[in-house]
Amino acid sequence: MPKKKLRAVIVGCGNIANAYADQLAKYPNIEIVGFSDLAPERAEAFAAKHGGKAYPGLKEVLEDKSIDLVVNLTIHHAHVEVITQCLQAGKHVHTEKPLALTYAEAKKLVALAAKKKLRLSSAPSTFLGEAAQTCAALLRAGKIGKVRLSYAEMNHGRIETWHPNPAPFFQVGPVWDVAVYPLTIWAAFCGPMRKVRATGKVLLPKRKTKEGKPFSVTTPDCVIATIEFASGMLGRLTANFYVPTTKQTGIEFHGDGGSIHMNNNFLFDTAVEMTVPGEGYKPVPLLREGYKGVEFARGVADLADAILEKRAHRCNAGMAAHVVEVIEAIHKSAATEKPVGVRSSFVQPAKMAWA
């Protein structure tokens, strides 16, 4: 008989871990049995708050044969090492984005998971949200005809004013941290990307943490890219850690027969609008009433269901690796001022059952 639940441990008890723990607690297919962190006292605090065991370290997690799944919420730079160790130990993995910081590493992780016959899933899972799935349904139904152009905006503001540990995010830049959301939406709904042209610049090099400690930014905090898709669609992406408020938001799809606008790339309940020639934008009801805000853990829940149901999971590592290659191409193009090709492909995820 198949298991009714997967036993999971959250590794990395940082800023986002509370949301994952709270959200996963409501799913019947997952049991969060413990936490691990480089700072053991953080794991202990999470265990006290959410229940379960505080593991002294990753080694102890991987030695626990009762653990099926590791939810990797460590910082960007640790992803490859943690995922590799988990797969080598025979654990399924869902990781926060990005899957890796180079395509070569991402491709190795995909190959390792396949070799070990394990599931590797990667955030972001926001394309599984009600608003995004509503957009996808409109596109599938041909409501705006052939889509030839899309705009995506990630104006993420000055994160140092609110984030408790902004340094790692400025080290990797806004494309790795937040442009990954619309890039994943594009990949899931529009297919592979094939050529990138980009420019990047440090707009505000001198910053201060919310405690007033000064630090310097050297990775471009603003990147603008144009992306050609295998389908022929052209995308324009803007990502920055500078603009706090803007009237340019979310993602737009423009086709021969009209346009669709989703107001926010994160929020599951954000507004979706559509227009056809000669008419103004009109609201589109979401396919269902769902989560209010962002359900970061939806990809983990889908992974657990997929394992138990023996079907493909939607936040597949092949798609995540493709997005890593695209991001790498964006940074290379911005540095060289030349177009950069993208070669990888992937299986586009199935729509949600309710969509």
Protein backbone atom coordinates (compact mmCIF):
# COMPACT_ATOMS: atom_id res chain seq x y z
CA MET A 1 0.00 0.00 0.00
CA PRO A 2 1.32 3.51 -0.82
CA LYS A 3 2.15 5.90 1.97
CA LYS A 4 -0.55 8.39 2.84
CA LYS A 5 1.98 11.04 3.82
CA LEU A 6 5.53 12.01 2.99
CA ARG A 7 7.76 12.76 5.95
CA ALA A 8 9.61 16.01 5.28
CA VAL A 9 12.27 18.16 6.91
CA ILE A 10 12.80 21.87 6.23
CA VAL A 11 16.49 22.70 5.86
CA GLY A 12 17.26 26.40 6.25
CA CYS A 13 15.20 28.30 8.83
CA GLY A 14 15.44 31.77 7.35
CA ASN A 15 12.98 34.46 6.37
CA ILE A 16 10.73 32.30 4.18
CA ALA A 17 10.67 29.13 6.31
CA ASN A 18 7.79 30.25 8.53
CA ALA A 19 5.52 30.63 5.50
CA TYR A 20 6.45 27.15 4.24
CA ALA A 21 5.90 25.56 7.65
CA ASP A 22 2.55 27.27 8.19
CA GLN A 23 1.29 26.50 4.68
CA LEU A 24 2.45 22.88 4.59
CA ALA A 25 0.76 22.16 7.93
CA LYS A 26 -2.65 22.18 6.23
CA TYR A 27 -1.79 19.57 3.59
CA PRO A 28 -2.74 15.97 4.40
CA ASN A 29 -0.06 14.49 2.11
CA ILE A 30 2.93 15.94 4.00
CA GLU A 31 4.12 15.72 7.58
CA ILE A 32 6.82 18.22 8.59
CA VAL A 33 8.77 16.20 11.12
CA GLY A 34 11.71 18.51 11.72
CA PHE A 35 13.97 21.44 10.94
CA SER A 36 17.67 21.99 10.38
CA ASP A 37 19.79 25.13 10.13
CA LEU A 38 23.46 26.12 10.27
CA ALA A 39 22.49 27.92 13.48
CA PRO A 40 21.04 25.09 15.64
CA GLU A 41 19.16 27.54 17.84
CA ARG A 42 17.07 28.62 14.83
CA ALA A 43 16.08 25.02 14.13
CA GLU A 44 15.20 24.61 17.80
CA ALA A 45 13.02 27.73 17.70
CA PHE A 46 11.19 26.45 14.62
CA ALA A 47 10.64 23.03 16.15
CA ALA A 48 9.25 24.66 19.28
CA LYS A 49 6.88 26.80 17.23
CA HIS A 50 5.77 24.33 14.55
CA GLY A 51 6.38 20.96 16.18
CA GLY A 52 8.78 18.21 15.17
CA LYS A 53 12.45 17.67 15.81
CA ALA A 54 15.41 20.04 15.66
CA TYR A 55 18.17 18.21 13.79
CA PRO A 56 21.74 19.24 14.74
CA GLY A 57 22.69 19.50 11.04
CA LEU A 58 22.10 18.28 7.50
CA LYS A 59 24.15 15.15 8.18
CA GLU A 60 21.67 14.00 10.81
CA VAL A 61 18.72 14.72 8.50
CA LEU A 62 20.21 12.60 5.73
CA GLU A 63 21.03 9.76 8.12
CA ASP A 64 17.37 9.55 9.17
CA LYS A 65 15.96 6.78 6.96
CA SER A 66 12.38 7.75 7.83
CA ILE A 67 12.70 11.06 5.94
CA ASP A 68 11.28 11.02 2.39
CA LEU A 69 11.61 14.64 1.35
CA VAL A 70 13.89 17.60 2.07
CA VAL A 71 12.52 21.12 1.55
CA ASN A 72 15.66 23.16 0.87
CA LEU A 73 15.27 26.80 1.94
CA THR A 74 18.96 27.65 2.27
CA ILE A 75 20.51 30.73 0.63
CA HIS A 76 21.13 30.77 -3.13
CA HIS A 77 24.82 29.89 -2.90
CA ALA A 78 24.18 26.73 -0.87
CA HIS A 79 21.55 25.17 -3.14
CA VAL A 80 23.77 22.97 -5.28
CA GLU A 81 25.71 21.50 -2.34
CA VAL A 82 22.59 20.81 -0.26
CA ILE A 83 20.57 19.35 -3.15
CA THR A 84 23.49 17.12 -4.20
CA GLN A 85 23.92 15.73 -0.69
CA CYS A 86 20.17 15.09 -0.35
CA LEU A 87 19.92 13.25 -3.66
CA GLN A 88 23.04 11.23 -2.89
CA ALA A 89 21.38 10.20 0.37
CA GLY A 90 18.24 9.00 -1.44
CA LYS A 91 15.91 11.88 -0.51
CA HIS A 92 13.44 13.62 -2.81
CA VAL A 93 14.03 17.39 -2.87
CA HIS A 94 12.01 20.54 -3.32
CA THR A 95 14.27 23.59 -3.37
CA GLU A 96 13.71 27.30 -3.19
CA LYS A 97 14.75 29.15 -6.33
CA PRO A 98 17.06 29.16 -8.11
CA LEU A 99 17.85 25.49 -8.70
CA ALA A 100 21.53 26.47 -9.19
CA LEU A 101 23.59 29.53 -10.06
CA THR A 102 25.00 28.04 -13.29
CA TYR A 103 23.35 25.96 -15.97
CA ALA A 104 26.19 23.42 -15.84
CA GLU A 105 25.40 22.78 -12.16
CA ALA A 106 21.65 22.73 -12.77
CA LYS A 107 22.06 20.15 -15.56
CA LYS A 108 24.14 17.93 -13.24
CA LEU A 109 21.43 18.07 -10.58
CA VAL A 110 18.76 17.06 -13.10
CA ALA A 111 20.95 14.16 -14.25
CA LEU A 112 21.69 13.06 -10.67
CA ALA A 113 18.01 13.01 -9.75
CA ALA A 114 17.25 10.92 -12.84
CA LYS A 115 20.11 8.53 -12.07
CA LYS A 116 18.90 8.08 -8.49
CA LYS A 117 15.25 7.81 -9.63
CA LEU A 118 14.32 10.61 -7.26
CA ARG A 119 12.10 13.65 -7.64
CA LEU A 120 13.70 17.10 -7.85
CA SER A 121 11.31 20.03 -7.74
CA SER A 122 12.11 23.74 -7.73
CA ALA A 123 10.40 26.99 -6.84
CA PRO A 124 8.92 29.25 -7.91
CA SER A 125 5.54 27.56 -7.95
CA THR A 126 3.58 30.79 -8.38
CA PHE A 127 2.59 29.71 -11.91
CA LEU A 128 0.34 27.20 -10.11
CA GLY A 129 -1.65 30.03 -8.50
CA GLU A 130 -5.24 30.88 -9.39
CA ALA A 131 -4.42 34.09 -11.27
CA ALA A 132 -1.60 32.56 -13.32
CA GLN A 133 -3.65 29.46 -14.12
CA THR A 134 -6.49 31.74 -15.24
CA CYS A 135 -4.08 33.48 -17.64
CA ALA A 136 -2.90 30.11 -18.92
CA ALA A 137 -6.48 28.98 -19.54
CA LEU A 138 -7.17 32.13 -21.58
CA LEU A 139 -4.00 31.56 -23.62
CA ARG A 140 -4.82 27.88 -24.22
CA ALA A 141 -8.32 28.77 -25.35
CA GLY A 142 -6.93 31.25 -27.90
CA LYS A 143 -8.85 34.16 -26.39
CA ILE A 144 -6.31 36.69 -27.72
CA GLY A 145 -5.17 34.74 -30.77
CA LYS A 146 -1.51 34.08 -31.53
CA VAL A 147 0.64 35.69 -28.85
CA ARG A 148 3.57 37.59 -30.34
CA LEU A 149 4.71 39.87 -27.51
CA SER A 150 4.87 39.77 -23.70
CA TYR A 151 6.08 42.27 -21.09
CA ALA A 152 7.15 41.28 -17.57
CA GLU A 153 7.91 43.69 -14.73
CA MET A 154 9.75 42.91 -11.49
CA ASN A 155 10.26 46.31 -9.86
CA HIS A 156 11.08 44.92 -6.42
CA GLY A 157 12.08 48.08 -4.60
CA ARG A 158 14.87 48.59 -2.08
CA ILE A 159 14.83 45.31 -0.21
CA GLU A 160 17.46 46.44 2.28
CA THR A 161 14.77 48.61 3.93
CA TRP A 162 12.82 45.54 5.11
CA HIS A 163 14.75 42.30 4.58
CA PRO A 164 16.68 41.05 7.64
CA ASN A 165 19.57 39.72 5.52
CA PRO A 166 19.72 41.54 2.14
CA ALA A 167 23.40 40.90 1.30
CA PRO A 168 22.99 37.49 -0.43
CA PHE A 169 20.21 38.89 -2.61
CA PHE A 170 22.28 41.85 -3.77
CA GLN A 171 25.19 39.49 -4.46
CA VAL A 172 23.13 37.49 -6.97
CA GLY A 173 21.01 40.42 -8.21
CA PRO A 174 17.33 40.87 -9.07
CA VAL A 175 17.23 38.49 -12.04
CA TRP A 176 18.19 35.46 -9.94
CA ASP A 177 16.02 36.53 -7.04
CA VAL A 178 12.80 37.92 -8.52
CA ALA A 179 12.84 37.85 -12.34
CA VAL A 180 12.82 34.08 -11.94
CA TYR A 181 9.06 34.40 -11.23
CA PRO A 182 7.93 35.78 -14.63
CA LEU A 183 10.63 33.75 -16.41
CA THR A 184 9.09 30.60 -14.94
CA ILE A 185 5.59 31.75 -15.93
CA TRP A 186 6.88 32.30 -19.47
CA ALA A 187 8.55 28.89 -19.54
CA ALA A 188 5.49 27.08 -18.17
CA PHE A 189 2.96 28.75 -20.48
CA CYS A 190 4.96 29.85 -23.56
CA GLY A 191 7.67 27.20 -23.87
CA PRO A 192 11.45 27.37 -24.38
CA MET A 193 13.40 30.61 -24.78
CA ARG A 194 16.10 30.72 -27.42
CA LYS A 195 17.97 34.05 -27.55
CA VAL A 196 18.67 36.82 -25.05
CA ARG A 197 19.82 40.43 -25.37
CA ALA A 198 20.30 42.34 -22.12
CA THR A 199 21.79 45.35 -20.41
CA GLY A 200 22.50 45.84 -16.71
CA LYS A 201 23.65 48.63 -14.42
CA VAL A 202 24.22 49.37 -10.74
CA LEU A 203 21.79 52.23 -10.15
CA LEU A 204 22.33 52.74 -6.42
CA PRO A 205 25.73 51.39 -5.29
CA LYS A 206 25.67 52.70 -1.71
CA ARG A 207 23.00 51.16 0.49
CA LYS A 208 22.15 50.82 4.19
CA THR A 209 20.51 47.93 6.02
CA LYS A 210 17.40 48.65 8.05
CA GLU A 211 19.71 48.85 11.08
CA GLY A 212 21.68 51.60 9.31
CA LYS A 213 24.78 49.56 8.44
CA PRO A 214 26.25 50.71 5.08
CA PHE A 215 27.14 48.26 2.31
CA SER A 216 28.04 48.46 -1.37
CA VAL A 217 26.31 46.89 -4.38
CA THR A 218 28.50 45.63 -7.22
CA THR A 219 26.15 43.25 -9.07
CA PRO A 220 23.75 45.18 -11.39
CA ASP A 221 20.64 46.10 -9.40
CA CYS A 222 18.75 46.81 -12.63
CA VAL A 223 18.57 44.53 -15.68
CA ILE A 224 16.47 44.88 -18.83
CA ALA A 225 16.33 42.01 -21.33
CA THR A 226 14.60 41.05 -24.55
CA ILE A 227 14.05 37.34 -25.08
CA GLU A 228 13.16 35.44 -28.23
CA PHE A 229 11.08 32.26 -27.79
CA ALA A 230 11.06 29.10 -29.87
CA SER A 231 7.40 29.89 -30.60
CA GLY A 232 8.37 33.20 -32.20
CA MET A 233 7.10 35.28 -29.27
CA LEU A 234 9.25 38.19 -28.09
CA GLY A 235 9.47 39.00 -24.39
CA ARG A 236 10.72 42.11 -22.62
CA LEU A 237 11.79 41.73 -18.99
CA THR A 238 12.60 44.45 -16.44
CA ALA A 239 14.02 43.55 -13.01
CA ASN A 240 15.46 45.81 -10.34
CA PHE A 241 16.09 46.38 -6.66
CA TYR A 242 15.53 50.12 -7.05
CA VAL A 243 11.98 51.13 -8.06
CA PRO A 244 9.67 50.82 -5.02
CA THR A 245 6.41 51.82 -6.70
CA THR A 246 5.44 51.86 -10.35
CA LYS A 247 2.41 51.80 -12.60
CA GLN A 248 4.14 49.11 -14.68
CA THR A 249 3.35 45.86 -12.91
CA GLY A 250 2.95 42.15 -13.48
CA ILE A 251 2.94 40.43 -16.85
CA GLU A 252 1.19 41.21 -20.13
CA PHE A 253 0.48 38.95 -23.11
CA HIS A 254 -0.30 40.62 -26.44
CA GLY A 255 -1.80 38.65 -29.31
CA ASP A 256 -3.39 39.24 -32.69
CA GLY A 257 -6.83 39.29 -31.10
CA GLY A 258 -6.26 41.14 -27.85
CA SER A 259 -4.24 41.39 -24.63
CA ILE A 260 -4.16 39.89 -21.13
CA HIS A 261 -2.70 41.57 -18.04
CA MET A 262 -1.98 39.87 -14.72
CA ASN A 263 -1.33 42.59 -12.17
CA ASN A 264 1.29 40.81 -10.03
CA ASN A 265 3.78 38.00 -10.69
CA PHE A 266 3.60 36.71 -7.09
CA LEU A 267 0.07 36.94 -5.77
CA PHE A 268 -2.27 34.02 -6.36
CA ASP A 269 -5.35 36.26 -6.06
CA THR A 270 -4.11 39.21 -8.13
CA ALA A 271 -6.35 40.81 -10.77
CA VAL A 272 -6.49 39.41 -14.31
CA GLU A 273 -7.83 41.59 -17.12
CA MET A 274 -8.37 41.11 -20.84
CA THR A 275 -9.06 43.41 -23.77
CA VAL A 276 -9.95 42.87 -27.39
CA PRO A 277 -9.54 45.46 -30.19
CA GLY A 278 -11.90 48.39 -29.78
CA GLU A 279 -12.61 47.73 -26.11
CA GLY A 280 -10.99 48.63 -22.80
CA TYR A 281 -9.56 46.13 -20.31
CA LYS A 282 -12.23 44.17 -18.44
CA PRO A 283 -11.73 42.01 -15.33
CA VAL A 284 -11.65 38.24 -15.80
CA PRO A 285 -13.01 36.15 -12.92
CA LEU A 286 -10.41 33.75 -11.54
CA LEU A 287 -11.06 30.08 -12.23
CA ARG A 288 -11.65 29.51 -8.54
CA GLU A 289 -11.38 31.26 -5.21
CA GLY A 290 -8.04 30.26 -3.77
CA TYR A 291 -5.16 31.34 -1.59
CA LYS A 292 -5.00 34.99 -0.58
CA GLY A 293 -1.45 36.20 -1.21
CA VAL A 294 1.38 33.81 -2.08
CA GLU A 295 1.29 30.12 -1.25
CA PHE A 296 5.00 29.37 -1.54
CA ALA A 297 4.47 25.74 -0.53
CA ARG A 298 2.05 24.82 -3.32
CA GLY A 299 4.92 23.32 -5.34
CA VAL A 300 5.86 21.07 -2.41
CA ALA A 301 2.27 19.90 -2.08
CA ASP A 302 2.11 19.15 -5.80
CA LEU A 303 5.39 17.22 -5.56
CA ALA A 304 4.07 15.12 -2.69
CA ASP A 305 0.84 14.39 -4.56
CA ALA A 306 2.82 13.49 -7.69
CA ILE A 307 5.02 11.04 -5.80
CA LEU A 308 2.04 9.37 -4.14
CA GLU A 309 -0.02 9.35 -7.36
CA LYS A 310 2.95 8.29 -9.54
CA ARG A 311 2.55 11.20 -11.98
CA ALA A 312 4.83 14.00 -13.17
CA HIS A 313 5.23 16.92 -10.77
CA ARG A 314 4.69 20.38 -12.22
CA CYS A 315 7.66 22.35 -10.82
CA ASN A 316 9.99 20.05 -12.71
CA ALA A 317 13.76 20.42 -12.52
CA GLY A 318 14.15 20.41 -16.30
CA MET A 319 12.11 23.61 -16.57
CA ALA A 320 13.97 25.13 -13.61
CA ALA A 321 17.32 24.30 -15.26
CA HIS A 322 16.14 25.97 -18.48
CA VAL A 323 15.29 29.13 -16.52
CA VAL A 324 18.78 28.99 -14.95
CA GLU A 325 20.29 28.86 -18.45
CA VAL A 326 18.17 31.86 -19.47
CA ILE A 327 19.26 33.85 -16.40
CA GLU A 328 22.88 32.97 -17.04
CA ALA A 329 22.44 34.14 -20.65
CA ILE A 330 20.89 37.43 -19.46
CA HIS A 331 23.91 38.18 -17.26
CA LYS A 332 26.38 37.14 -19.97
CA SER A 333 24.64 39.31 -22.55
CA ALA A 334 24.56 42.29 -20.17
CA ALA A 335 28.29 41.87 -19.51
CA THR A 336 29.34 41.41 -23.14
CA GLU A 337 26.70 43.58 -24.85
CA LYS A 338 26.11 40.70 -27.28
CA PRO A 339 23.17 38.34 -27.86
CA VAL A 340 23.44 34.94 -26.16
CA GLY A 341 21.73 31.76 -27.29
CA VAL A 342 19.82 29.28 -25.11
CA ARG A 343 19.72 25.62 -26.09
CA SER A 344 17.99 23.57 -23.38
CA SER A 345 14.46 22.25 -23.55
CA PHE A 346 12.03 20.79 -21.04
CA VAL A 347 8.58 19.29 -20.60
CA GLN A 348 5.99 22.00 -20.01
CA PRO A 349 3.92 21.29 -16.88
CA ALA A 350 0.32 20.13 -16.97
CA LYS A 351 -2.41 22.55 -16.01
CA MET A 352 -3.80 22.24 -12.50
CA ALA A 353 -6.68 19.76 -12.27
CA TRP A 354 -9.15 22.53 -11.43
CA ALA A 355 -7.95 24.66 -14.40
